[in-house]
Amino acid sequence: MSVVICGASRGRYSKPIPIEQVKINWVSETERSVNPPGKLKCESSDFLHPRRRWYPYKKMFVQKRVLTKKELREATRDFDMFSLEMPLKIICPYCAEKITKGGQ
């Protein structure tokens, strides 16, 4: 069992997927369905394009957290909620291209 104070200790992010190919339910604070925002912020930890961080919705990509069956069993057994409940990561086209080419 590994000890992690804060953050996921198991799994990895998948290859970037265009945001329009993923079904995302956008909701407001009052939990009503709303249209997606016009622009989104890149959530990549190693953001590449320093002058621009906000991009049009349709150009963005999504990364999902993926766990193997073994990692899922271990995370469930160890109550590793950080690994089990990692949210989607929305990234810009520049970061998606770097990840796709670099294999991160």
N, C-alpha and C. Protein backbone atom coordinates (compact mmCIF):
# COMPACT_ATOMS: atom_id res chain seq x y z
N MET A 1 0.84 -1.17 0.00
CA MET A 1 0.00 0.00 0.00
C MET A 1 0.89 1.24 0.00
N SER A 2 0.61 2.15 -0.93
CA SER A 2 1.38 3.38 -0.97
C SER A 2 0.64 4.48 -0.21
N VAL A 3 1.40 5.36 0.40
CA VAL A 3 0.80 6.44 1.17
C VAL A 3 0.97 7.74 0.40
N VAL A 4 -0.16 8.37 0.09
CA VAL A 4 -0.15 9.63 -0.63
C VAL A 4 -0.98 10.61 0.18
N ILE A 5 -0.44 11.77 0.45
CA ILE A 5 -1.16 12.76 1.25
C ILE A 5 -2.32 13.34 0.45
N CYS A 6 -2.08 13.80 -0.75
CA CYS A 6 -3.14 14.41 -1.55
C CYS A 6 -2.84 14.19 -3.02
N GLY A 7 -3.77 13.61 -3.75
CA GLY A 7 -3.60 13.38 -5.17
C GLY A 7 -3.70 11.90 -5.50
N ALA A 8 -3.94 11.63 -6.77
CA ALA A 8 -4.11 10.25 -7.22
C ALA A 8 -2.77 9.53 -7.21
N SER A 9 -2.79 8.30 -6.72
CA SER A 9 -1.57 7.51 -6.70
C SER A 9 -1.63 6.37 -7.71
N ARG A 10 -2.81 6.16 -8.32
CA ARG A 10 -2.99 5.07 -9.28
C ARG A 10 -3.62 5.62 -10.56
N GLY A 11 -3.37 4.91 -11.65
CA GLY A 11 -3.98 5.27 -12.92
C GLY A 11 -3.17 6.30 -13.68
N ARG A 12 -3.72 6.67 -14.81
CA ARG A 12 -3.08 7.67 -15.67
C ARG A 12 -4.18 8.31 -16.51
N TYR A 13 -3.85 9.41 -17.14
CA TYR A 13 -4.81 10.05 -18.04
C TYR A 13 -4.73 9.41 -19.42
N SER A 14 -5.88 9.29 -20.08
CA SER A 14 -5.97 8.68 -21.40
C SER A 14 -5.44 9.63 -22.47
N LYS A 15 -5.41 9.15 -23.70
CA LYS A 15 -5.05 10.01 -24.82
C LYS A 15 -6.13 11.09 -24.95
N PRO A 16 -5.76 12.28 -25.41
CA PRO A 16 -6.74 13.35 -25.56
C PRO A 16 -7.83 12.99 -26.58
N ILE A 17 -9.06 13.33 -26.25
CA ILE A 17 -10.23 13.09 -27.09
C ILE A 17 -10.87 14.44 -27.37
N PRO A 18 -11.25 14.75 -28.62
CA PRO A 18 -11.93 16.03 -28.89
C PRO A 18 -13.17 16.16 -27.99
N ILE A 19 -13.37 17.35 -27.44
CA ILE A 19 -14.43 17.56 -26.46
C ILE A 19 -15.81 17.29 -27.03
N GLU A 20 -15.99 17.46 -28.31
CA GLU A 20 -17.30 17.23 -28.92
C GLU A 20 -17.64 15.75 -29.03
N GLN A 21 -16.65 14.87 -28.85
CA GLN A 21 -16.91 13.43 -28.90
C GLN A 21 -17.24 12.85 -27.51
N VAL A 22 -17.22 13.70 -26.49
CA VAL A 22 -17.48 13.26 -25.12
C VAL A 22 -18.78 13.92 -24.65
N LYS A 23 -19.64 13.12 -24.05
CA LYS A 23 -20.90 13.68 -23.54
C LYS A 23 -20.65 14.27 -22.16
N ILE A 24 -20.76 15.59 -22.07
CA ILE A 24 -20.59 16.30 -20.81
C ILE A 24 -21.89 17.02 -20.50
N ASN A 25 -22.42 16.81 -19.32
CA ASN A 25 -23.63 17.51 -18.89
C ASN A 25 -23.21 18.76 -18.14
N TRP A 26 -23.39 19.91 -18.76
CA TRP A 26 -23.04 21.18 -18.14
C TRP A 26 -24.21 21.63 -17.29
N VAL A 27 -23.95 21.94 -16.02
CA VAL A 27 -24.99 22.38 -15.11
C VAL A 27 -24.55 23.66 -14.40
N SER A 28 -25.55 24.45 -13.99
CA SER A 28 -25.27 25.69 -13.26
C SER A 28 -25.23 25.39 -11.76
N GLU A 29 -25.01 26.43 -10.96
CA GLU A 29 -24.96 26.26 -9.51
C GLU A 29 -26.29 25.74 -8.96
N THR A 30 -27.38 26.05 -9.67
CA THR A 30 -28.70 25.59 -9.23
C THR A 30 -29.04 24.24 -9.82
N GLU A 31 -28.05 23.59 -10.42
CA GLU A 31 -28.17 22.26 -11.01
C GLU A 31 -29.16 22.18 -12.17
N ARG A 32 -29.24 23.24 -12.93
CA ARG A 32 -30.03 23.25 -14.16
C ARG A 32 -29.09 23.08 -15.34
N SER A 33 -29.55 22.37 -16.35
CA SER A 33 -28.73 22.17 -17.54
C SER A 33 -28.52 23.50 -18.25
N VAL A 34 -27.29 23.73 -18.67
CA VAL A 34 -26.95 24.95 -19.41
C VAL A 34 -26.11 24.57 -20.62
N ASN A 35 -25.98 25.49 -21.54
CA ASN A 35 -25.11 25.29 -22.70
C ASN A 35 -23.65 25.40 -22.26
N PRO A 36 -22.75 24.74 -22.97
CA PRO A 36 -21.33 24.85 -22.59
C PRO A 36 -20.84 26.29 -22.79
N PRO A 37 -19.82 26.69 -22.05
CA PRO A 37 -19.28 28.05 -22.21
C PRO A 37 -18.63 28.23 -23.57
N GLY A 38 -18.50 29.45 -24.00
CA GLY A 38 -17.88 29.75 -25.29
C GLY A 38 -16.39 29.47 -25.30
N LYS A 39 -15.72 29.74 -24.17
CA LYS A 39 -14.28 29.51 -24.05
C LYS A 39 -14.01 28.74 -22.76
N LEU A 40 -12.96 27.93 -22.80
CA LEU A 40 -12.54 27.16 -21.63
C LEU A 40 -11.05 27.37 -21.39
N LYS A 41 -10.65 27.19 -20.16
CA LYS A 41 -9.25 27.34 -19.76
C LYS A 41 -8.54 26.00 -19.86
N CYS A 42 -7.32 26.01 -20.36
CA CYS A 42 -6.52 24.80 -20.43
C CYS A 42 -6.10 24.38 -19.02
N GLU A 43 -6.36 23.11 -18.66
CA GLU A 43 -6.07 22.60 -17.33
C GLU A 43 -4.81 21.74 -17.28
N SER A 44 -4.01 21.79 -18.32
CA SER A 44 -2.79 20.99 -18.35
C SER A 44 -1.80 21.52 -17.32
N SER A 45 -1.14 20.61 -16.62
CA SER A 45 -0.17 21.03 -15.61
C SER A 45 1.09 21.62 -16.24
N ASP A 46 1.41 21.21 -17.46
CA ASP A 46 2.57 21.79 -18.15
C ASP A 46 2.08 22.52 -19.39
N PHE A 47 1.38 23.62 -19.16
CA PHE A 47 0.79 24.41 -20.24
C PHE A 47 1.90 24.95 -21.14
N LEU A 48 1.72 24.79 -22.45
CA LEU A 48 2.77 25.13 -23.41
C LEU A 48 2.74 26.55 -23.96
N HIS A 49 1.58 27.07 -24.20
CA HIS A 49 1.44 28.32 -24.94
C HIS A 49 1.26 29.46 -23.95
N PRO A 50 2.33 30.15 -23.54
CA PRO A 50 2.27 31.10 -22.43
C PRO A 50 1.38 32.32 -22.65
N ARG A 51 1.16 32.73 -23.87
CA ARG A 51 0.39 33.95 -24.11
C ARG A 51 -1.12 33.72 -24.12
N ARG A 52 -1.52 32.50 -24.30
CA ARG A 52 -2.93 32.22 -24.44
C ARG A 52 -3.31 31.01 -23.61
N ARG A 53 -4.26 31.16 -22.73
CA ARG A 53 -4.68 30.04 -21.91
C ARG A 53 -6.15 29.68 -22.14
N TRP A 54 -6.95 30.59 -22.67
CA TRP A 54 -8.37 30.37 -22.94
C TRP A 54 -8.56 30.08 -24.42
N TYR A 55 -9.37 29.05 -24.72
CA TYR A 55 -9.58 28.62 -26.10
C TYR A 55 -11.06 28.38 -26.35
N PRO A 56 -11.49 28.48 -27.62
CA PRO A 56 -12.89 28.19 -27.95
C PRO A 56 -13.25 26.75 -27.57
N TYR A 57 -14.45 26.56 -27.10
CA TYR A 57 -14.95 25.26 -26.64
C TYR A 57 -14.71 24.16 -27.66
N LYS A 58 -15.03 24.41 -28.91
CA LYS A 58 -14.96 23.36 -29.93
C LYS A 58 -13.55 22.91 -30.25
N LYS A 59 -12.53 23.67 -29.85
CA LYS A 59 -11.14 23.29 -30.13
C LYS A 59 -10.50 22.51 -28.99
N MET A 60 -11.20 22.39 -27.88
CA MET A 60 -10.61 21.76 -26.69
C MET A 60 -10.65 20.23 -26.75
N PHE A 61 -9.83 19.60 -25.90
CA PHE A 61 -9.74 18.16 -25.78
C PHE A 61 -9.99 17.76 -24.33
N VAL A 62 -10.35 16.49 -24.14
CA VAL A 62 -10.64 15.97 -22.81
C VAL A 62 -9.74 14.77 -22.55
N GLN A 63 -9.27 14.65 -21.31
CA GLN A 63 -8.54 13.46 -20.88
C GLN A 63 -9.29 12.86 -19.69
N LYS A 64 -9.54 11.56 -19.76
CA LYS A 64 -10.20 10.84 -18.67
C LYS A 64 -9.15 10.09 -17.88
N ARG A 65 -9.42 9.88 -16.61
CA ARG A 65 -8.53 9.09 -15.77
C ARG A 65 -8.84 7.61 -15.99
N VAL A 66 -7.83 6.81 -16.27
CA VAL A 66 -7.99 5.39 -16.58
C VAL A 66 -7.21 4.56 -15.56
N LEU A 67 -7.88 3.55 -15.00
CA LEU A 67 -7.23 2.62 -14.07
C LEU A 67 -7.34 1.21 -14.63
N THR A 68 -6.30 0.42 -14.43
CA THR A 68 -6.38 -0.99 -14.80
C THR A 68 -7.27 -1.70 -13.78
N LYS A 69 -7.67 -2.94 -14.07
CA LYS A 69 -8.50 -3.70 -13.13
C LYS A 69 -7.78 -3.88 -11.79
N LYS A 70 -6.47 -4.14 -11.86
CA LYS A 70 -5.69 -4.32 -10.64
C LYS A 70 -5.65 -3.02 -9.83
N GLU A 71 -5.41 -1.89 -10.50
CA GLU A 71 -5.37 -0.60 -9.81
C GLU A 71 -6.73 -0.26 -9.21
N LEU A 72 -7.80 -0.59 -9.92
CA LEU A 72 -9.15 -0.34 -9.42
C LEU A 72 -9.42 -1.16 -8.15
N ARG A 73 -9.04 -2.44 -8.17
CA ARG A 73 -9.20 -3.29 -6.98
C ARG A 73 -8.41 -2.74 -5.79
N GLU A 74 -7.15 -2.38 -6.05
CA GLU A 74 -6.30 -1.85 -4.98
C GLU A 74 -6.85 -0.54 -4.42
N ALA A 75 -7.28 0.36 -5.31
CA ALA A 75 -7.81 1.65 -4.88
C ALA A 75 -9.08 1.47 -4.05
N THR A 76 -9.92 0.53 -4.46
CA THR A 76 -11.15 0.24 -3.71
C THR A 76 -10.81 -0.36 -2.35
N ARG A 77 -9.88 -1.29 -2.34
CA ARG A 77 -9.48 -1.94 -1.08
C ARG A 77 -8.86 -0.93 -0.11
N ASP A 78 -8.07 0.02 -0.64
CA ASP A 78 -7.36 0.98 0.20
C ASP A 78 -8.13 2.28 0.42
N PHE A 79 -9.37 2.34 -0.07
CA PHE A 79 -10.20 3.55 0.04
C PHE A 79 -9.46 4.77 -0.52
N ASP A 80 -8.81 4.60 -1.66
CA ASP A 80 -8.04 5.66 -2.32
C ASP A 80 -9.00 6.51 -3.17
N MET A 81 -9.71 7.42 -2.52
CA MET A 81 -10.74 8.21 -3.21
C MET A 81 -10.14 9.17 -4.23
N PHE A 82 -8.90 9.62 -4.02
CA PHE A 82 -8.28 10.51 -5.00
C PHE A 82 -8.10 9.81 -6.34
N SER A 83 -7.72 8.55 -6.32
CA SER A 83 -7.54 7.80 -7.56
C SER A 83 -8.88 7.41 -8.18
N LEU A 84 -9.88 7.14 -7.34
CA LEU A 84 -11.18 6.69 -7.84
C LEU A 84 -12.04 7.81 -8.41
N GLU A 85 -11.87 9.02 -7.91
CA GLU A 85 -12.76 10.11 -8.31
C GLU A 85 -12.05 11.26 -9.02
N MET A 86 -11.06 10.97 -9.81
CA MET A 86 -10.37 12.03 -10.54
C MET A 86 -11.28 12.57 -11.63
N PRO A 87 -11.42 13.90 -11.72
CA PRO A 87 -12.29 14.48 -12.74
C PRO A 87 -11.63 14.50 -14.13
N LEU A 88 -12.44 14.82 -15.13
CA LEU A 88 -11.91 15.01 -16.48
C LEU A 88 -10.94 16.18 -16.47
N LYS A 89 -9.98 16.15 -17.38
CA LYS A 89 -9.06 17.27 -17.54
C LYS A 89 -9.29 17.83 -18.93
N ILE A 90 -9.59 19.11 -19.03
CA ILE A 90 -9.83 19.77 -20.31
C ILE A 90 -8.56 20.50 -20.71
N ILE A 91 -8.05 20.17 -21.90
CA ILE A 91 -6.78 20.75 -22.34
C ILE A 91 -6.91 21.39 -23.72
N CYS A 92 -5.99 22.27 -24.03
CA CYS A 92 -6.00 23.00 -25.31
C CYS A 92 -5.40 22.12 -26.42
N PRO A 93 -5.58 22.54 -27.68
CA PRO A 93 -5.04 21.75 -28.79
C PRO A 93 -3.52 21.63 -28.78
N TYR A 94 -2.81 22.64 -28.28
CA TYR A 94 -1.35 22.59 -28.23
C TYR A 94 -0.86 21.52 -27.26
N CYS A 95 -1.47 21.47 -26.08
CA CYS A 95 -1.09 20.46 -25.09
C CYS A 95 -1.50 19.06 -25.55
N ALA A 96 -2.66 18.96 -26.21
CA ALA A 96 -3.11 17.67 -26.73
C ALA A 96 -2.13 17.14 -27.77
N GLU A 97 -1.65 18.02 -28.63
CA GLU A 97 -0.69 17.62 -29.65
C GLU A 97 0.62 17.16 -29.01
N LYS A 98 1.08 17.88 -28.00
CA LYS A 98 2.32 17.50 -27.32
C LYS A 98 2.17 16.14 -26.65
N ILE A 99 1.03 15.90 -26.00
CA ILE A 99 0.79 14.62 -25.32
C ILE A 99 0.72 13.49 -26.33
N THR A 100 0.02 13.73 -27.44
CA THR A 100 -0.13 12.70 -28.46
C THR A 100 1.22 12.34 -29.08
N LYS A 101 2.04 13.33 -29.37
CA LYS A 101 3.35 13.08 -29.97
C LYS A 101 4.36 12.53 -28.96
N GLY A 102 4.29 13.03 -27.72
CA GLY A 102 5.25 12.65 -26.71
C GLY A 102 4.89 11.40 -25.94
N GLY A 103 3.64 10.97 -26.04
CA GLY A 103 3.22 9.75 -25.37
C GLY A 103 3.05 9.89 -23.87
N GLN A 104 2.74 11.09 -23.37
CA GLN A 104 2.57 11.28 -21.92
C GLN A 104 1.20 10.86 -21.49
